[in-house]
Amino acid sequence: MTNWDIALPNAAFGMIGALVGGLVIVGALVWAVQMGIKARRRQPPPPEPKEQPTRPESGSRQETSELRDPDDFSAAGDDGRRLTPHQLHNSGTTRGEKQERPRWDSRA
């Protein structure tokens, strides 16, 4: 017997194994796609254009722009102890007294 006679049956088993494995993977992918199609058909259809949200009749919301100042508080309360979270305000900033925008160009 030569090396070819011994190697051919092993190569044939390898080819058959690869073919069977490939068919199993293809079958699993086809099954997954079919399950996805069935799941998509059970879902409600997308909303019609007339069902989409619309802007209010008063128009779009107007944006406001204002300068904010940091909420000033000392590192310690009046009695010298540190502040706890429940002693702080809800927001970390307040509306600034001066609302003029700073300019980069001092000539303007």
C-alpha atoms as a PDB file:
ATOM      1  CA  MET A   1       0.000   0.000   0.000  1.00  0.00           C
ATOM      2  CA  THR A   2       1.188   3.482  -0.763  1.00  0.00           C
ATOM      3  CA  ASN A   3       0.631   6.694   1.114  1.00  0.00           C
ATOM      4  CA  TRP A   4      -2.091   7.656  -1.372  1.00  0.00           C
ATOM      5  CA  ASP A   5      -4.145   4.576  -0.553  1.00  0.00           C
ATOM      6  CA  ILE A   6      -4.103   5.460   3.139  1.00  0.00           C
ATOM      7  CA  ALA A   7      -4.710   9.207   2.689  1.00  0.00           C
ATOM      8  CA  LEU A   8      -7.652   8.931   0.283  1.00  0.00           C
ATOM      9  CA  PRO A   9     -10.178   7.449   2.743  1.00  0.00           C
ATOM     10  CA  ASN A  10      -9.266  10.083   5.353  1.00  0.00           C
ATOM     11  CA  ALA A  11      -9.666  12.871   2.811  1.00  0.00           C
ATOM     12  CA  ALA A  12     -13.007  11.440   1.706  1.00  0.00           C
ATOM     13  CA  PHE A  13     -14.260  11.416   5.301  1.00  0.00           C
ATOM     14  CA  GLY A  14     -13.082  14.999   5.727  1.00  0.00           C
ATOM     15  CA  MET A  15     -14.876  16.112   2.574  1.00  0.00           C
ATOM     16  CA  ILE A  16     -18.080  14.347   3.588  1.00  0.00           C
ATOM     17  CA  GLY A  17     -17.853  15.876   7.072  1.00  0.00           C
ATOM     18  CA  ALA A  18     -17.355  19.366   5.629  1.00  0.00           C
ATOM     19  CA  LEU A  19     -20.286  18.869   3.249  1.00  0.00           C
ATOM     20  CA  VAL A  20     -22.612  17.668   6.020  1.00  0.00           C
ATOM     21  CA  GLY A  21     -21.502  20.477   8.304  1.00  0.00           C
ATOM     22  CA  GLY A  22     -22.104  23.044   5.576  1.00  0.00           C
ATOM     23  CA  LEU A  23     -25.579  21.639   4.884  1.00  0.00           C
ATOM     24  CA  VAL A  24     -26.425  21.821   8.603  1.00  0.00           C
ATOM     25  CA  ILE A  25     -25.327  25.464   8.752  1.00  0.00           C
ATOM     26  CA  VAL A  26     -27.290  26.359   5.589  1.00  0.00           C
ATOM     27  CA  GLY A  27     -30.366  24.589   6.981  1.00  0.00           C
ATOM     28  CA  ALA A  28     -30.073  26.512  10.257  1.00  0.00           C
ATOM     29  CA  LEU A  29     -29.779  29.833   8.402  1.00  0.00           C
ATOM     30  CA  VAL A  30     -32.809  29.080   6.218  1.00  0.00           C
ATOM     31  CA  TRP A  31     -34.805  28.128   9.323  1.00  0.00           C
ATOM     32  CA  ALA A  32     -33.769  31.353  11.105  1.00  0.00           C
ATOM     33  CA  VAL A  33     -34.800  33.490   8.118  1.00  0.00           C
ATOM     34  CA  GLN A  34     -38.187  31.761   7.936  1.00  0.00           C
ATOM     35  CA  MET A  35     -38.742  32.321  11.660  1.00  0.00           C
ATOM     36  CA  GLY A  36     -37.852  35.997  11.223  1.00  0.00           C
ATOM     37  CA  ILE A  37     -40.304  36.356   8.350  1.00  0.00           C
ATOM     38  CA  LYS A  38     -43.086  34.759  10.435  1.00  0.00           C
ATOM     39  CA  ALA A  39     -42.315  37.041  13.384  1.00  0.00           C
ATOM     40  CA  ARG A  40     -42.350  40.108  11.130  1.00  0.00           C
ATOM     41  CA  ARG A  41     -45.764  39.118   9.712  1.00  0.00           C
ATOM     42  CA  ARG A  42     -47.220  38.917  13.250  1.00  0.00           C
ATOM     43  CA  GLN A  43     -46.159  42.492  14.056  1.00  0.00           C
ATOM     44  CA  PRO A  44     -48.539  45.391  13.415  1.00  0.00           C
ATOM     45  CA  PRO A  45     -47.871  47.372  10.242  1.00  0.00           C
ATOM     46  CA  PRO A  46     -45.979  50.675  10.429  1.00  0.00           C
ATOM     47  CA  PRO A  47     -48.172  53.738  11.036  1.00  0.00           C
ATOM     48  CA  GLU A  48     -49.729  55.538   8.095  1.00  0.00           C
ATOM     49  CA  PRO A  49     -48.553  59.089   7.295  1.00  0.00           C
ATOM     50  CA  LYS A  50     -51.807  60.506   8.692  1.00  0.00           C
ATOM     51  CA  GLU A  51     -51.154  58.662  12.004  1.00  0.00           C
ATOM     52  CA  GLN A  52     -47.759  60.318  12.468  1.00  0.00           C
ATOM     53  CA  PRO A  53     -47.398  63.005  15.161  1.00  0.00           C
ATOM     54  CA  THR A  54     -47.885  66.589  14.020  1.00  0.00           C
ATOM     55  CA  ARG A  55     -46.798  69.953  15.349  1.00  0.00           C
ATOM     56  CA  PRO A  56     -49.233  71.855  17.548  1.00  0.00           C
ATOM     57  CA  GLU A  57     -51.344  74.508  15.864  1.00  0.00           C
ATOM     58  CA  SER A  58     -49.544  77.165  17.891  1.00  0.00           C
ATOM     59  CA  GLY A  59     -46.362  76.324  15.994  1.00  0.00           C
ATOM     60  CA  SER A  60     -43.138  74.768  17.086  1.00  0.00           C
ATOM     61  CA  ARG A  61     -41.791  75.367  20.560  1.00  0.00           C
ATOM     62  CA  GLN A  62     -39.660  78.434  20.819  1.00  0.00           C
ATOM     63  CA  GLU A  63     -36.212  77.950  22.231  1.00  0.00           C
ATOM     64  CA  THR A  64     -34.853  80.320  24.812  1.00  0.00           C
ATOM     65  CA  SER A  65     -31.245  81.170  25.315  1.00  0.00           C
ATOM     66  CA  GLU A  66     -29.997  82.554  28.586  1.00  0.00           C
ATOM     67  CA  LEU A  67     -26.782  82.775  30.552  1.00  0.00           C
ATOM     68  CA  ARG A  68     -26.625  80.646  33.666  1.00  0.00           C
ATOM     69  CA  ASP A  69     -24.625  81.326  36.821  1.00  0.00           C
ATOM     70  CA  PRO A  70     -23.384  78.569  39.107  1.00  0.00           C
ATOM     71  CA  ASP A  71     -25.374  78.084  42.278  1.00  0.00           C
ATOM     72  CA  ASP A  72     -23.197  79.641  44.962  1.00  0.00           C
ATOM     73  CA  PHE A  73     -22.862  77.806  48.232  1.00  0.00           C
ATOM     74  CA  SER A  74     -20.045  77.591  50.679  1.00  0.00           C
ATOM     75  CA  ALA A  75     -18.200  74.366  51.273  1.00  0.00           C
ATOM     76  CA  ALA A  76     -19.571  74.372  54.813  1.00  0.00           C
ATOM     77  CA  GLY A  77     -22.990  75.337  56.151  1.00  0.00           C
ATOM     78  CA  ASP A  78     -23.606  78.132  58.654  1.00  0.00           C
ATOM     79  CA  ASP A  79     -22.669  75.893  61.539  1.00  0.00           C
ATOM     80  CA  GLY A  80     -19.343  74.858  59.956  1.00  0.00           C
ATOM     81  CA  ARG A  81     -20.409  71.354  58.925  1.00  0.00           C
ATOM     82  CA  ARG A  82     -20.353  70.209  55.329  1.00  0.00           C
ATOM     83  CA  LEU A  83     -23.529  70.279  53.233  1.00  0.00           C
ATOM     84  CA  THR A  84     -25.371  67.067  52.505  1.00  0.00           C
ATOM     85  CA  PRO A  85     -27.196  66.368  49.237  1.00  0.00           C
ATOM     86  CA  HIS A  86     -30.654  67.130  50.631  1.00  0.00           C
ATOM     87  CA  GLN A  87     -29.473  70.632  51.611  1.00  0.00           C
ATOM     88  CA  LEU A  88     -28.564  71.521  48.007  1.00  0.00           C
ATOM     89  CA  HIS A  89     -30.965  72.961  45.427  1.00  0.00           C
ATOM     90  CA  ASN A  90     -32.512  70.918  42.625  1.00  0.00           C
ATOM     91  CA  SER A  91     -30.493  72.657  39.926  1.00  0.00           C
ATOM     92  CA  GLY A  92     -26.803  73.437  39.974  1.00  0.00           C
ATOM     93  CA  THR A  93     -27.296  76.755  38.188  1.00  0.00           C
ATOM     94  CA  THR A  94     -29.498  79.828  38.369  1.00  0.00           C
ATOM     95  CA  ARG A  95     -30.498  82.410  35.786  1.00  0.00           C
ATOM     96  CA  GLY A  96     -27.757  85.014  35.481  1.00  0.00           C
ATOM     97  CA  GLU A  97     -28.469  88.647  36.308  1.00  0.00           C
ATOM     98  CA  LYS A  98     -26.511  89.900  33.283  1.00  0.00           C
ATOM     99  CA  GLN A  99     -27.813  88.448  30.034  1.00  0.00           C
ATOM    100  CA  GLU A 100     -25.495  90.287  27.631  1.00  0.00           C
ATOM    101  CA  ARG A 101     -23.389  87.877  25.665  1.00  0.00           C
ATOM    102  CA  PRO A 102     -19.614  88.272  25.992  1.00  0.00           C
ATOM    103  CA  ARG A 103     -17.938  89.148  22.684  1.00  0.00           C
ATOM    104  CA  TRP A 104     -14.558  87.962  21.462  1.00  0.00           C
ATOM    105  CA  ASP A 105     -13.914  91.143  19.599  1.00  0.00           C
ATOM    106  CA  SER A 106     -13.503  94.015  22.086  1.00  0.00           C
ATOM    107  CA  ARG A 107     -14.122  96.623  19.312  1.00  0.00           C
ATOM    108  CA  ALA A 108     -17.678  95.455  18.749  1.00  0.00           C
END
